[in-house]
């Protein structure tokens, strides 16, 4: 199942993508769509366990705005 995590800045979106890729996810950055309006306009898109992904990002000090 595809998930999107909205991140507060492009810098952290890039960091989140790298962290998730390093933990076995295949993550990509996506520009803002009508699904989310908060944050810088970027989300990290990936397939897999969203709960584990959020935990990994939060433990890496990446602020999550919203999960879609």
C-alpha atoms as a PDB file:
ATOM      1  CA  UNK A   1       0.000   0.000   0.000  1.00  0.00           C
ATOM      2  CA  UNK A   2       1.295   3.466  -0.914  1.00  0.00           C
ATOM      3  CA  UNK A   3       1.716   6.044   1.852  1.00  0.00           C
ATOM      4  CA  UNK A   4       2.705   9.705   1.870  1.00  0.00           C
ATOM      5  CA  UNK A   5       4.282  11.594   4.739  1.00  0.00           C
ATOM      6  CA  UNK A   6       4.154  15.385   4.496  1.00  0.00           C
ATOM      7  CA  UNK A   7       7.379  16.980   5.726  1.00  0.00           C
ATOM      8  CA  UNK A   8       7.990  20.548   6.959  1.00  0.00           C
ATOM      9  CA  UNK A   9      10.769  21.505   4.534  1.00  0.00           C
ATOM     10  CA  UNK A  10      12.457  20.302   1.362  1.00  0.00           C
ATOM     11  CA  UNK A  11      15.652  19.717   3.341  1.00  0.00           C
ATOM     12  CA  UNK A  12      13.875  17.319   5.691  1.00  0.00           C
ATOM     13  CA  UNK A  13      11.967  15.722   2.815  1.00  0.00           C
ATOM     14  CA  UNK A  14      15.319  14.847   1.208  1.00  0.00           C
ATOM     15  CA  UNK A  15      16.654  13.608   4.545  1.00  0.00           C
ATOM     16  CA  UNK A  16      13.503  11.505   5.111  1.00  0.00           C
ATOM     17  CA  UNK A  17      13.801   9.957   1.650  1.00  0.00           C
ATOM     18  CA  UNK A  18      17.436   9.013   2.271  1.00  0.00           C
ATOM     19  CA  UNK A  19      16.661   7.601   5.728  1.00  0.00           C
ATOM     20  CA  UNK A  20      13.766   5.493   4.456  1.00  0.00           C
ATOM     21  CA  UNK A  21      15.779   4.246   1.470  1.00  0.00           C
ATOM     22  CA  UNK A  22      18.550   3.273   3.873  1.00  0.00           C
ATOM     23  CA  UNK A  23      16.054   1.267   5.924  1.00  0.00           C
ATOM     24  CA  UNK A  24      14.740  -0.874   3.086  1.00  0.00           C
ATOM     25  CA  UNK A  25      11.969   1.360   1.750  1.00  0.00           C
ATOM     26  CA  UNK A  26      11.812   2.611  -1.815  1.00  0.00           C
ATOM     27  CA  UNK A  27      10.941   6.255  -1.144  1.00  0.00           C
ATOM     28  CA  UNK A  28      10.417   9.177  -3.520  1.00  0.00           C
ATOM     29  CA  UNK A  29       9.686  12.865  -3.051  1.00  0.00           C
ATOM     30  CA  UNK A  30       6.458  14.236  -4.483  1.00  0.00           C
ATOM     31  CA  UNK A  31       5.354  17.835  -5.057  1.00  0.00           C
ATOM     32  CA  UNK A  32       2.282  19.173  -3.284  1.00  0.00           C
ATOM     33  CA  UNK A  33      -1.097  17.943  -4.474  1.00  0.00           C
ATOM     34  CA  UNK A  34      -4.618  18.760  -3.348  1.00  0.00           C
ATOM     35  CA  UNK A  35      -4.324  15.937  -0.771  1.00  0.00           C
ATOM     36  CA  UNK A  36      -2.199  18.089   1.514  1.00  0.00           C
ATOM     37  CA  UNK A  37      -1.786  21.813   1.915  1.00  0.00           C
ATOM     38  CA  UNK A  38       0.387  22.206   5.029  1.00  0.00           C
ATOM     39  CA  UNK A  39       4.161  22.219   5.024  1.00  0.00           C
ATOM     40  CA  UNK A  40       6.517  23.182   2.262  1.00  0.00           C
ATOM     41  CA  UNK A  41       4.633  21.384  -0.468  1.00  0.00           C
ATOM     42  CA  UNK A  42       6.561  18.110  -0.477  1.00  0.00           C
ATOM     43  CA  UNK A  43       5.812  14.619   0.731  1.00  0.00           C
ATOM     44  CA  UNK A  44       7.807  11.423   0.877  1.00  0.00           C
ATOM     45  CA  UNK A  45       5.944   8.633  -0.921  1.00  0.00           C
ATOM     46  CA  UNK A  46       6.666   4.950  -0.227  1.00  0.00           C
ATOM     47  CA  UNK A  47       5.192   1.473   0.053  1.00  0.00           C
ATOM     48  CA  UNK A  48       5.382  -0.537   3.240  1.00  0.00           C
ATOM     49  CA  UNK A  49       4.779  -0.323   6.964  1.00  0.00           C
ATOM     50  CA  UNK A  50       3.791   3.282   7.696  1.00  0.00           C
ATOM     51  CA  UNK A  51       3.998   2.869  11.483  1.00  0.00           C
ATOM     52  CA  UNK A  52       7.595   1.637  11.286  1.00  0.00           C
ATOM     53  CA  UNK A  53       8.498   4.368   8.772  1.00  0.00           C
ATOM     54  CA  UNK A  54       7.094   7.092  11.024  1.00  0.00           C
ATOM     55  CA  UNK A  55       9.006   5.666  13.989  1.00  0.00           C
ATOM     56  CA  UNK A  56      12.239   5.628  11.994  1.00  0.00           C
ATOM     57  CA  UNK A  57      11.758   9.242  10.895  1.00  0.00           C
ATOM     58  CA  UNK A  58      10.765  10.509  14.335  1.00  0.00           C
ATOM     59  CA  UNK A  59      13.809   8.784  15.871  1.00  0.00           C
ATOM     60  CA  UNK A  60      15.908  10.623  13.258  1.00  0.00           C
ATOM     61  CA  UNK A  61      14.417  13.988  14.311  1.00  0.00           C
ATOM     62  CA  UNK A  62      12.339  14.446  11.155  1.00  0.00           C
ATOM     63  CA  UNK A  63       9.143  16.359  11.949  1.00  0.00           C
ATOM     64  CA  UNK A  64       6.083  14.812  10.318  1.00  0.00           C
ATOM     65  CA  UNK A  65       3.272  17.199   9.428  1.00  0.00           C
ATOM     66  CA  UNK A  66       0.721  14.686   8.195  1.00  0.00           C
ATOM     67  CA  UNK A  67       0.408  11.104   6.994  1.00  0.00           C
ATOM     68  CA  UNK A  68      -1.773  10.337   3.977  1.00  0.00           C
END
